[in-house]
Amino acid sequence: MLARQGELSEVLNNYIADHEGRQTIDSFIEVADVGEKSVDDFLKDLDIAVITQEVKELRAINAALRRMSEGEYGACIDCGNEIAAARLDVNPAAERCIDCQTRFEKEHATKDFNPSL
């Protein structure tokens, strides 16, 4: 988990460094045609989606590490029951047991919601 935390932090820091001032530059550059503008918009949206997922994963890892330091790692945050070891092997940052996660996803379902493992 610590290795993944480091990877995500590096990716996000590199993204920020690479894109500092880009919005200002982009506002002065005219796109040649509608098709090119569409591709440009798509790539920007894709960047945002990827970064959003990486930030979400980094927050989950940080929360799991905090639960470890507090001696609460492996306990479901909703019901308090133990999270199955197999689930933690697949998703070390899991904060809910499978039953509570399933319920949570049903209660908070939206068309853009991506289920966890």
C-alpha atoms as a PDB file:
ATOM      1  CA  MET A   1       0.000   0.000   0.000  1.00  0.00           C
ATOM      2  CA  LEU A   2       2.854   2.372   0.757  1.00  0.00           C
ATOM      3  CA  ALA A   3       4.395   1.710  -2.657  1.00  0.00           C
ATOM      4  CA  ARG A   4       1.096   2.486  -4.388  1.00  0.00           C
ATOM      5  CA  GLN A   5       0.710   5.613  -2.256  1.00  0.00           C
ATOM      6  CA  GLY A   6       4.127   6.781  -3.452  1.00  0.00           C
ATOM      7  CA  GLU A   7       3.307   5.988  -7.087  1.00  0.00           C
ATOM      8  CA  LEU A   8       0.043   7.924  -6.965  1.00  0.00           C
ATOM      9  CA  SER A   9       1.644  10.898  -5.235  1.00  0.00           C
ATOM     10  CA  GLU A  10       4.357  11.002  -7.896  1.00  0.00           C
ATOM     11  CA  VAL A  11       1.848  10.757 -10.762  1.00  0.00           C
ATOM     12  CA  LEU A  12      -0.289  13.535  -9.299  1.00  0.00           C
ATOM     13  CA  ASN A  13       2.694  15.784  -8.594  1.00  0.00           C
ATOM     14  CA  ASN A  14       3.982  15.241 -12.154  1.00  0.00           C
ATOM     15  CA  TYR A  15       0.546  16.018 -13.575  1.00  0.00           C
ATOM     16  CA  ILE A  16       0.358  19.248 -11.601  1.00  0.00           C
ATOM     17  CA  ALA A  17       3.883  20.245 -12.663  1.00  0.00           C
ATOM     18  CA  ASP A  18       3.176  19.431 -16.327  1.00  0.00           C
ATOM     19  CA  HIS A  19      -0.093  21.372 -16.372  1.00  0.00           C
ATOM     20  CA  GLU A  20       0.847  24.509 -14.422  1.00  0.00           C
ATOM     21  CA  GLY A  21      -0.097  27.431 -16.570  1.00  0.00           C
ATOM     22  CA  ARG A  22      -1.448  25.208 -19.343  1.00  0.00           C
ATOM     23  CA  GLN A  23      -4.994  26.499 -18.976  1.00  0.00           C
ATOM     24  CA  THR A  24      -3.733  30.017 -19.586  1.00  0.00           C
ATOM     25  CA  ILE A  25      -1.751  28.904 -22.638  1.00  0.00           C
ATOM     26  CA  ASP A  26      -4.678  26.870 -23.978  1.00  0.00           C
ATOM     27  CA  SER A  27      -6.942  29.905 -23.829  1.00  0.00           C
ATOM     28  CA  PHE A  28      -4.673  31.709 -26.345  1.00  0.00           C
ATOM     29  CA  ILE A  29      -4.411  28.804 -28.796  1.00  0.00           C
ATOM     30  CA  GLU A  30      -7.200  28.438 -31.316  1.00  0.00           C
ATOM     31  CA  VAL A  31      -8.113  24.971 -32.451  1.00  0.00           C
ATOM     32  CA  ALA A  32      -8.177  24.580 -36.246  1.00  0.00           C
ATOM     33  CA  ASP A  33     -11.585  22.947 -36.626  1.00  0.00           C
ATOM     34  CA  VAL A  34     -14.536  21.465 -34.772  1.00  0.00           C
ATOM     35  CA  GLY A  35     -13.162  17.914 -35.042  1.00  0.00           C
ATOM     36  CA  GLU A  36      -9.847  18.938 -33.546  1.00  0.00           C
ATOM     37  CA  LYS A  37     -11.665  20.815 -30.769  1.00  0.00           C
ATOM     38  CA  SER A  38     -13.725  17.711 -30.044  1.00  0.00           C
ATOM     39  CA  VAL A  39     -10.603  15.544 -29.730  1.00  0.00           C
ATOM     40  CA  ASP A  40      -8.931  18.180 -27.564  1.00  0.00           C
ATOM     41  CA  ASP A  41     -11.965  18.344 -25.258  1.00  0.00           C
ATOM     42  CA  PHE A  42     -12.121  14.544 -25.054  1.00  0.00           C
ATOM     43  CA  LEU A  43      -8.448  14.297 -24.061  1.00  0.00           C
ATOM     44  CA  LYS A  44      -8.905  16.961 -21.382  1.00  0.00           C
ATOM     45  CA  ASP A  45     -11.956  15.128 -20.020  1.00  0.00           C
ATOM     46  CA  LEU A  46     -10.018  11.862 -20.026  1.00  0.00           C
ATOM     47  CA  ASP A  47      -7.166  13.490 -18.097  1.00  0.00           C
ATOM     48  CA  ILE A  48      -9.627  14.796 -15.527  1.00  0.00           C
ATOM     49  CA  ALA A  49     -11.298  11.384 -15.157  1.00  0.00           C
ATOM     50  CA  VAL A  50      -7.971   9.597 -14.669  1.00  0.00           C
ATOM     51  CA  ILE A  51      -6.720  12.148 -12.150  1.00  0.00           C
ATOM     52  CA  THR A  52     -10.037  12.016 -10.270  1.00  0.00           C
ATOM     53  CA  GLN A  53      -9.737   8.225  -9.923  1.00  0.00           C
ATOM     54  CA  GLU A  54      -6.117   8.503  -8.786  1.00  0.00           C
ATOM     55  CA  VAL A  55      -6.993  11.117  -6.171  1.00  0.00           C
ATOM     56  CA  LYS A  56      -9.847   8.894  -4.958  1.00  0.00           C
ATOM     57  CA  GLU A  57      -7.493   5.909  -4.684  1.00  0.00           C
ATOM     58  CA  LEU A  58      -4.855   7.967  -2.858  1.00  0.00           C
ATOM     59  CA  ARG A  59      -7.463   9.169  -0.348  1.00  0.00           C
ATOM     60  CA  ALA A  60      -8.603   5.576   0.234  1.00  0.00           C
ATOM     61  CA  ILE A  61      -5.010   4.471   0.838  1.00  0.00           C
ATOM     62  CA  ASN A  62      -4.405   7.349   3.251  1.00  0.00           C
ATOM     63  CA  ALA A  63      -7.607   6.461   5.118  1.00  0.00           C
ATOM     64  CA  ALA A  64      -6.540   2.799   5.328  1.00  0.00           C
ATOM     65  CA  LEU A  65      -3.117   3.784   6.672  1.00  0.00           C
ATOM     66  CA  ARG A  66      -4.814   6.023   9.248  1.00  0.00           C
ATOM     67  CA  ARG A  67      -7.051   3.097  10.296  1.00  0.00           C
ATOM     68  CA  MET A  68      -3.916   0.959  10.632  1.00  0.00           C
ATOM     69  CA  SER A  69      -2.250   3.495  12.902  1.00  0.00           C
ATOM     70  CA  GLU A  70      -5.425   3.691  15.000  1.00  0.00           C
ATOM     71  CA  GLY A  71      -5.693  -0.101  15.253  1.00  0.00           C
ATOM     72  CA  GLU A  72      -8.965  -0.183  13.302  1.00  0.00           C
ATOM     73  CA  TYR A  73      -7.719  -1.621  10.000  1.00  0.00           C
ATOM     74  CA  GLY A  74      -9.718  -4.606   8.764  1.00  0.00           C
ATOM     75  CA  ALA A  75     -12.909  -3.632  10.601  1.00  0.00           C
ATOM     76  CA  CYS A  76     -15.902  -2.497   8.548  1.00  0.00           C
ATOM     77  CA  ILE A  77     -16.611   1.201   9.117  1.00  0.00           C
ATOM     78  CA  ASP A  78     -20.365   0.565   8.952  1.00  0.00           C
ATOM     79  CA  CYS A  79     -21.039  -2.593  10.952  1.00  0.00           C
ATOM     80  CA  GLY A  80     -17.735  -3.124  12.764  1.00  0.00           C
ATOM     81  CA  ASN A  81     -17.409  -6.729  11.579  1.00  0.00           C
ATOM     82  CA  GLU A  82     -14.111  -8.016  10.248  1.00  0.00           C
ATOM     83  CA  ILE A  83     -13.490  -7.496   6.528  1.00  0.00           C
ATOM     84  CA  ALA A  84     -12.616 -10.809   4.863  1.00  0.00           C
ATOM     85  CA  ALA A  85      -8.884 -11.320   4.311  1.00  0.00           C
ATOM     86  CA  ALA A  86      -9.521 -12.238   0.672  1.00  0.00           C
ATOM     87  CA  ARG A  87     -11.221  -8.865   0.161  1.00  0.00           C
ATOM     88  CA  LEU A  88      -8.319  -7.015   1.771  1.00  0.00           C
ATOM     89  CA  ASP A  89      -5.871  -8.976  -0.402  1.00  0.00           C
ATOM     90  CA  VAL A  90      -7.662  -7.700  -3.513  1.00  0.00           C
ATOM     91  CA  ASN A  91      -8.373  -4.215  -2.167  1.00  0.00           C
ATOM     92  CA  PRO A  92      -6.130  -3.355   0.810  1.00  0.00           C
ATOM     93  CA  ALA A  93      -7.882   0.005   1.215  1.00  0.00           C
ATOM     94  CA  ALA A  94     -11.360  -1.560   1.564  1.00  0.00           C
ATOM     95  CA  GLU A  95     -13.247   0.136   4.367  1.00  0.00           C
ATOM     96  CA  ARG A  96     -16.420  -1.964   4.316  1.00  0.00           C
ATOM     97  CA  CYS A  97     -17.208  -5.662   4.400  1.00  0.00           C
ATOM     98  CA  ILE A  98     -18.728  -6.984   1.185  1.00  0.00           C
ATOM     99  CA  ASP A  99     -22.297  -6.879   2.541  1.00  0.00           C
ATOM    100  CA  CYS A 100     -22.025  -3.264   3.688  1.00  0.00           C
ATOM    101  CA  GLN A 101     -20.210  -2.240   0.488  1.00  0.00           C
ATOM    102  CA  THR A 102     -22.964  -3.792  -1.625  1.00  0.00           C
ATOM    103  CA  ARG A 103     -25.605  -1.971   0.409  1.00  0.00           C
ATOM    104  CA  PHE A 104     -23.641   1.286   0.217  1.00  0.00           C
ATOM    105  CA  GLU A 105     -23.347   1.045  -3.571  1.00  0.00           C
ATOM    106  CA  LYS A 106     -27.062   0.346  -3.967  1.00  0.00           C
ATOM    107  CA  GLU A 107     -27.991   3.280  -1.729  1.00  0.00           C
ATOM    108  CA  HIS A 108     -25.579   5.655  -3.462  1.00  0.00           C
ATOM    109  CA  ALA A 109     -25.963   4.378  -7.008  1.00  0.00           C
ATOM    110  CA  THR A 110     -25.759   6.887  -9.824  1.00  0.00           C
ATOM    111  CA  LYS A 111     -25.191   6.438 -13.518  1.00  0.00           C
ATOM    112  CA  ASP A 112     -21.537   7.515 -13.123  1.00  0.00           C
ATOM    113  CA  PHE A 113     -20.782   5.446 -10.004  1.00  0.00           C
ATOM    114  CA  ASN A 114     -18.071   2.806 -10.427  1.00  0.00           C
ATOM    115  CA  PRO A 115     -18.434  -0.151  -8.039  1.00  0.00           C
ATOM    116  CA  SER A 116     -15.419  -1.105  -5.979  1.00  0.00           C
ATOM    117  CA  LEU A 117     -13.911  -4.547  -5.727  1.00  0.00           C
END
